[in-house]
Amino acid sequence: MSDYDISHASWIMSRACNNSACVQVAHLPGGMVALRDSKDSRKPAHIFDSEEWAAFVTGVKAGEFDLPEG
């Protein structure tokens, strides 16, 4: 899926982002979703299908990717 054409993607950045160190998301045809680093948009984006994206969002909301406290 790394060869998916994202050249015309419309990238979205969170309103909570207050600097250039954020991720950007683009909704692609066929339910695909692209995710990239806003600091270096030349790097390849990660491409998710709709099920992968739903699992990722669920994990984020559940705190699965939070940094450990301490």
N, C-alpha and C. Protein backbone atom coordinates (compact mmCIF):
# COMPACT_ATOMS: atom_id res chain seq x y z
N MET A 1 0.81 -1.20 0.00
CA MET A 1 0.00 0.00 0.00
C MET A 1 0.85 1.26 0.00
N SER A 2 2.15 1.13 0.10
CA SER A 2 3.00 2.31 0.14
C SER A 2 3.00 3.07 -1.18
N ASP A 3 2.54 2.44 -2.25
CA ASP A 3 2.51 3.12 -3.54
C ASP A 3 1.17 3.78 -3.82
N TYR A 4 0.34 3.96 -2.81
CA TYR A 4 -0.95 4.62 -2.95
C TYR A 4 -0.71 6.08 -3.29
N ASP A 5 -1.43 6.62 -4.26
CA ASP A 5 -1.23 8.00 -4.70
C ASP A 5 -1.87 8.98 -3.71
N ILE A 6 -1.03 9.73 -3.01
CA ILE A 6 -1.53 10.73 -2.06
C ILE A 6 -1.19 12.15 -2.52
N SER A 7 -0.80 12.28 -3.78
CA SER A 7 -0.35 13.58 -4.28
C SER A 7 -1.44 14.65 -4.23
N HIS A 8 -2.70 14.26 -4.25
CA HIS A 8 -3.79 15.23 -4.21
C HIS A 8 -4.59 15.14 -2.91
N ALA A 9 -3.99 14.52 -1.90
CA ALA A 9 -4.68 14.35 -0.62
C ALA A 9 -4.88 15.71 0.06
N SER A 10 -5.96 15.81 0.78
CA SER A 10 -6.25 17.01 1.57
C SER A 10 -5.93 16.68 3.03
N TRP A 11 -4.85 17.24 3.53
CA TRP A 11 -4.35 16.90 4.86
C TRP A 11 -5.02 17.73 5.95
N ILE A 12 -5.32 17.07 7.08
CA ILE A 12 -5.98 17.70 8.22
C ILE A 12 -5.03 17.62 9.42
N MET A 13 -4.90 18.73 10.15
CA MET A 13 -4.12 18.73 11.37
C MET A 13 -5.06 19.06 12.53
N SER A 14 -4.83 18.45 13.68
CA SER A 14 -5.68 18.66 14.84
C SER A 14 -5.70 20.13 15.26
N ARG A 15 -6.85 20.58 15.70
CA ARG A 15 -6.96 21.94 16.26
C ARG A 15 -6.14 22.05 17.53
N ALA A 16 -5.86 20.92 18.19
CA ALA A 16 -5.08 20.92 19.44
C ALA A 16 -3.59 21.10 19.18
N CYS A 17 -3.18 21.01 17.95
CA CYS A 17 -1.77 21.14 17.61
C CYS A 17 -1.36 22.60 17.74
N ASN A 18 -0.32 22.85 18.54
CA ASN A 18 0.09 24.23 18.72
C ASN A 18 1.51 24.50 18.20
N ASN A 19 2.08 23.53 17.48
CA ASN A 19 3.38 23.76 16.85
C ASN A 19 3.47 22.87 15.62
N SER A 20 4.61 22.80 15.02
CA SER A 20 4.74 22.02 13.78
C SER A 20 4.99 20.54 14.02
N ALA A 21 5.07 20.11 15.27
CA ALA A 21 5.35 18.70 15.58
C ALA A 21 4.05 17.93 15.80
N CYS A 22 3.29 17.78 14.76
CA CYS A 22 2.01 17.08 14.84
C CYS A 22 1.91 16.04 13.72
N VAL A 23 0.88 15.27 13.80
CA VAL A 23 0.60 14.36 12.69
C VAL A 23 -0.52 14.96 11.85
N GLN A 24 -0.55 14.58 10.60
CA GLN A 24 -1.60 15.01 9.68
C GLN A 24 -2.29 13.77 9.14
N VAL A 25 -3.59 13.90 8.91
CA VAL A 25 -4.42 12.79 8.44
C VAL A 25 -5.09 13.22 7.13
N ALA A 26 -5.20 12.28 6.21
CA ALA A 26 -5.92 12.53 4.96
C ALA A 26 -6.85 11.34 4.70
N HIS A 27 -8.11 11.63 4.44
CA HIS A 27 -9.06 10.59 4.07
C HIS A 27 -8.96 10.38 2.56
N LEU A 28 -8.73 9.15 2.17
CA LEU A 28 -8.48 8.80 0.77
C LEU A 28 -9.65 8.03 0.18
N PRO A 29 -9.71 7.91 -1.13
CA PRO A 29 -10.78 7.13 -1.77
C PRO A 29 -10.79 5.68 -1.27
N GLY A 30 -11.96 5.10 -1.25
CA GLY A 30 -12.10 3.70 -0.86
C GLY A 30 -12.00 3.46 0.63
N GLY A 31 -12.12 4.53 1.43
CA GLY A 31 -12.07 4.38 2.88
C GLY A 31 -10.67 4.31 3.46
N MET A 32 -9.66 4.49 2.63
CA MET A 32 -8.29 4.46 3.11
C MET A 32 -7.97 5.76 3.84
N VAL A 33 -7.00 5.70 4.77
CA VAL A 33 -6.60 6.87 5.54
C VAL A 33 -5.08 6.93 5.53
N ALA A 34 -4.54 8.12 5.29
CA ALA A 34 -3.09 8.32 5.32
C ALA A 34 -2.73 9.15 6.56
N LEU A 35 -1.59 8.83 7.15
CA LEU A 35 -1.09 9.52 8.34
C LEU A 35 0.36 9.88 8.08
N ARG A 36 0.73 11.15 8.34
CA ARG A 36 2.13 11.55 8.12
C ARG A 36 2.57 12.52 9.22
N ASP A 37 3.88 12.70 9.30
CA ASP A 37 4.51 13.60 10.25
C ASP A 37 4.54 15.00 9.64
N SER A 38 3.99 15.98 10.32
CA SER A 38 3.96 17.33 9.78
C SER A 38 5.34 17.97 9.71
N LYS A 39 6.28 17.50 10.52
CA LYS A 39 7.63 18.07 10.49
C LYS A 39 8.37 17.75 9.21
N ASP A 40 8.07 16.61 8.61
CA ASP A 40 8.75 16.22 7.38
C ASP A 40 7.77 15.49 6.47
N SER A 41 6.98 16.26 5.75
CA SER A 41 5.93 15.68 4.90
C SER A 41 6.49 14.97 3.68
N ARG A 42 7.81 15.04 3.48
CA ARG A 42 8.42 14.32 2.36
C ARG A 42 8.59 12.83 2.67
N LYS A 43 8.58 12.49 3.95
CA LYS A 43 8.68 11.07 4.33
C LYS A 43 7.39 10.37 3.92
N PRO A 44 7.47 9.06 3.65
CA PRO A 44 6.26 8.33 3.24
C PRO A 44 5.19 8.33 4.34
N ALA A 45 3.96 8.46 3.92
CA ALA A 45 2.83 8.39 4.86
C ALA A 45 2.52 6.94 5.17
N HIS A 46 1.95 6.72 6.33
CA HIS A 46 1.44 5.39 6.69
C HIS A 46 0.00 5.33 6.16
N ILE A 47 -0.33 4.26 5.47
CA ILE A 47 -1.65 4.11 4.87
C ILE A 47 -2.39 3.00 5.60
N PHE A 48 -3.62 3.29 6.02
CA PHE A 48 -4.46 2.35 6.75
C PHE A 48 -5.75 2.09 5.98
N ASP A 49 -6.24 0.84 6.02
CA ASP A 49 -7.59 0.62 5.50
C ASP A 49 -8.57 0.99 6.60
N SER A 50 -9.86 0.95 6.32
CA SER A 50 -10.85 1.45 7.28
C SER A 50 -10.85 0.66 8.59
N GLU A 51 -10.64 -0.65 8.52
CA GLU A 51 -10.62 -1.45 9.75
C GLU A 51 -9.38 -1.14 10.59
N GLU A 52 -8.24 -1.01 9.94
CA GLU A 52 -7.00 -0.67 10.66
C GLU A 52 -7.13 0.70 11.31
N TRP A 53 -7.69 1.66 10.57
CA TRP A 53 -7.85 3.01 11.10
C TRP A 53 -8.79 3.01 12.30
N ALA A 54 -9.90 2.29 12.21
CA ALA A 54 -10.84 2.21 13.33
C ALA A 54 -10.17 1.62 14.56
N ALA A 55 -9.37 0.57 14.38
CA ALA A 55 -8.65 -0.04 15.51
C ALA A 55 -7.64 0.94 16.10
N PHE A 56 -6.94 1.69 15.25
CA PHE A 56 -5.98 2.68 15.73
C PHE A 56 -6.67 3.76 16.55
N VAL A 57 -7.76 4.31 16.02
CA VAL A 57 -8.49 5.37 16.73
C VAL A 57 -9.04 4.85 18.06
N THR A 58 -9.55 3.64 18.07
CA THR A 58 -10.05 3.04 19.31
C THR A 58 -8.92 2.93 20.33
N GLY A 59 -7.73 2.49 19.88
CA GLY A 59 -6.58 2.38 20.77
C GLY A 59 -6.14 3.72 21.32
N VAL A 60 -6.16 4.76 20.49
CA VAL A 60 -5.79 6.10 20.96
C VAL A 60 -6.77 6.56 22.03
N LYS A 61 -8.05 6.39 21.77
CA LYS A 61 -9.07 6.81 22.74
C LYS A 61 -8.98 6.04 24.04
N ALA A 62 -8.52 4.79 23.99
CA ALA A 62 -8.40 3.96 25.18
C ALA A 62 -7.08 4.19 25.93
N GLY A 63 -6.21 5.03 25.36
CA GLY A 63 -4.95 5.33 26.02
C GLY A 63 -3.84 4.32 25.77
N GLU A 64 -4.02 3.43 24.79
CA GLU A 64 -3.03 2.40 24.53
C GLU A 64 -1.67 2.95 24.13
N PHE A 65 -1.61 4.16 23.62
CA PHE A 65 -0.36 4.72 23.13
C PHE A 65 0.16 5.85 24.01
N ASP A 66 -0.45 6.05 25.17
CA ASP A 66 0.01 7.08 26.09
C ASP A 66 1.40 6.73 26.62
N LEU A 67 2.19 7.77 26.89
CA LEU A 67 3.50 7.54 27.48
C LEU A 67 3.33 7.04 28.91
N PRO A 68 4.21 6.17 29.35
CA PRO A 68 4.11 5.70 30.74
C PRO A 68 4.34 6.86 31.72
N GLU A 69 3.65 6.80 32.82
CA GLU A 69 3.83 7.84 33.85
C GLU A 69 5.11 7.53 34.62
N GLY A 70 5.76 8.57 35.04
CA GLY A 70 6.94 8.33 35.88
C GLY A 70 8.03 9.14 35.49
